[in-house]
Amino acid sequence: MQAVLFDMDGTLVDSEKLWDISLAALYKELGGRLTPEVRASLVGGSAENTIHTVYTDLGLELDPLPADARARRFHRRRKQSTTWRGSSGWHDHRHGSS
């Protein structure tokens, strides 16, 4: 292997769509509904900022321990989505079968 390429900011793979999956699951878990305005404010943000924004949007008190656990689950969901959809899409695109 001569090189390793990391796409941490969505340059190669549009990862915002993957955040949509995780955000929808998080809002459902918390009993709320994600509005387009709040979603737009989260584009490009960190998971920690996202958790804070979601709790504030839903009028929930941010308890650091559960919020940290939710942030870890949020990251896990996003990684699962990235592995399943991102790598497959990249493979299909590279081999001309998209």
Protein backbone atom coordinates (compact mmCIF):
# COMPACT_ATOMS: atom_id res chain seq x y z
CA MET A 1 0.00 0.00 0.00
CA GLN A 2 1.46 3.35 -1.02
CA ALA A 3 -1.13 5.73 0.40
CA VAL A 4 -4.16 5.99 2.64
CA LEU A 5 -6.84 8.58 2.01
CA PHE A 6 -9.19 9.78 4.75
CA ASP A 7 -12.34 11.69 3.89
CA MET A 8 -13.17 13.43 7.17
CA ASP A 9 -15.15 16.36 5.81
CA GLY A 10 -17.42 14.94 3.13
CA THR A 11 -15.24 15.93 0.18
CA LEU A 12 -15.29 12.51 -1.50
CA VAL A 13 -18.49 11.09 -0.05
CA ASP A 14 -21.56 13.20 0.72
CA SER A 15 -21.74 12.26 4.39
CA GLU A 16 -24.51 14.75 5.25
CA LYS A 17 -27.07 12.25 3.97
CA LEU A 18 -25.69 9.76 6.48
CA TRP A 19 -26.14 12.31 9.28
CA ASP A 20 -29.81 12.53 8.22
CA ILE A 21 -30.27 8.84 9.04
CA SER A 22 -28.68 9.22 12.47
CA LEU A 23 -30.52 12.46 13.24
CA ALA A 24 -33.89 10.95 12.33
CA ALA A 25 -33.21 8.00 14.64
CA LEU A 26 -32.08 10.31 17.46
CA TYR A 27 -35.15 12.56 17.19
CA LYS A 28 -37.42 9.50 17.11
CA GLU A 29 -35.69 8.11 20.21
CA LEU A 30 -36.16 11.43 22.01
CA GLY A 31 -39.78 11.80 20.91
CA GLY A 32 -39.39 14.80 18.65
CA ARG A 33 -39.37 15.82 15.00
CA LEU A 34 -36.40 17.36 13.21
CA THR A 35 -37.35 20.54 11.34
CA PRO A 36 -35.62 21.61 8.12
CA GLU A 37 -34.38 24.77 9.88
CA VAL A 38 -32.65 22.85 12.66
CA ARG A 39 -31.25 20.33 10.18
CA ALA A 40 -29.78 23.15 8.10
CA SER A 41 -28.12 24.63 11.20
CA LEU A 42 -26.35 21.31 11.85
CA VAL A 43 -24.63 20.97 8.46
CA GLY A 44 -20.90 20.58 8.95
CA GLY A 45 -21.12 20.48 12.74
CA SER A 46 -19.61 18.08 15.23
CA ALA A 47 -21.54 15.31 16.98
CA GLU A 48 -21.12 17.10 20.30
CA ASN A 49 -22.62 20.32 18.93
CA THR A 50 -25.38 18.29 17.29
CA ILE A 51 -26.35 16.63 20.59
CA HIS A 52 -26.42 20.03 22.33
CA THR A 53 -28.55 21.55 19.55
CA VAL A 54 -30.99 18.61 19.52
CA TYR A 55 -31.50 18.73 23.28
CA THR A 56 -32.00 22.51 23.17
CA ASP A 57 -34.42 22.21 20.23
CA LEU A 58 -36.51 19.65 22.12
CA GLY A 59 -36.41 21.58 25.38
CA LEU A 60 -34.58 18.75 27.14
CA GLU A 61 -32.07 19.24 29.93
CA LEU A 62 -28.63 18.21 28.78
CA ASP A 63 -27.44 15.60 31.26
CA PRO A 64 -23.74 15.03 30.38
CA LEU A 65 -23.73 11.26 31.00
CA PRO A 66 -26.76 10.31 28.84
CA ALA A 67 -25.76 12.94 26.25
CA ASP A 68 -22.32 11.36 26.00
CA ALA A 69 -23.89 7.92 25.56
CA ARG A 70 -26.22 9.31 22.88
CA ALA A 71 -23.25 10.94 21.11
CA ARG A 72 -21.48 7.55 21.03
CA ARG A 73 -24.62 5.86 19.61
CA PHE A 74 -24.97 8.70 17.10
CA HIS A 75 -21.36 8.12 15.96
CA ARG A 76 -21.92 4.36 15.81
CA ARG A 77 -25.04 4.77 13.63
CA ARG A 78 -23.23 7.17 11.36
CA LYS A 79 -20.26 4.79 11.00
CA GLN A 80 -22.58 1.88 10.23
CA SER A 81 -24.32 3.97 7.58
CA THR A 82 -20.98 5.09 6.15
CA THR A 83 -19.64 1.54 5.96
CA TRP A 84 -22.79 0.19 4.38
CA ARG A 85 -23.67 3.01 2.00
CA GLY A 86 -20.50 5.06 1.59
CA SER A 87 -18.07 2.28 0.75
CA SER A 88 -20.56 0.54 -1.52
CA GLY A 89 -21.30 3.78 -3.38
CA TRP A 90 -17.61 4.53 -3.73
CA HIS A 91 -16.92 1.02 -5.03
CA ASP A 92 -19.76 1.22 -7.55
CA HIS A 93 -18.66 4.67 -8.69
CA ARG A 94 -15.02 3.65 -9.14
CA HIS A 95 -15.96 0.64 -11.23
CA GLY A 96 -18.46 2.48 -13.42
CA SER A 97 -21.53 0.66 -12.22
CA SER A 98 -23.43 3.53 -10.56
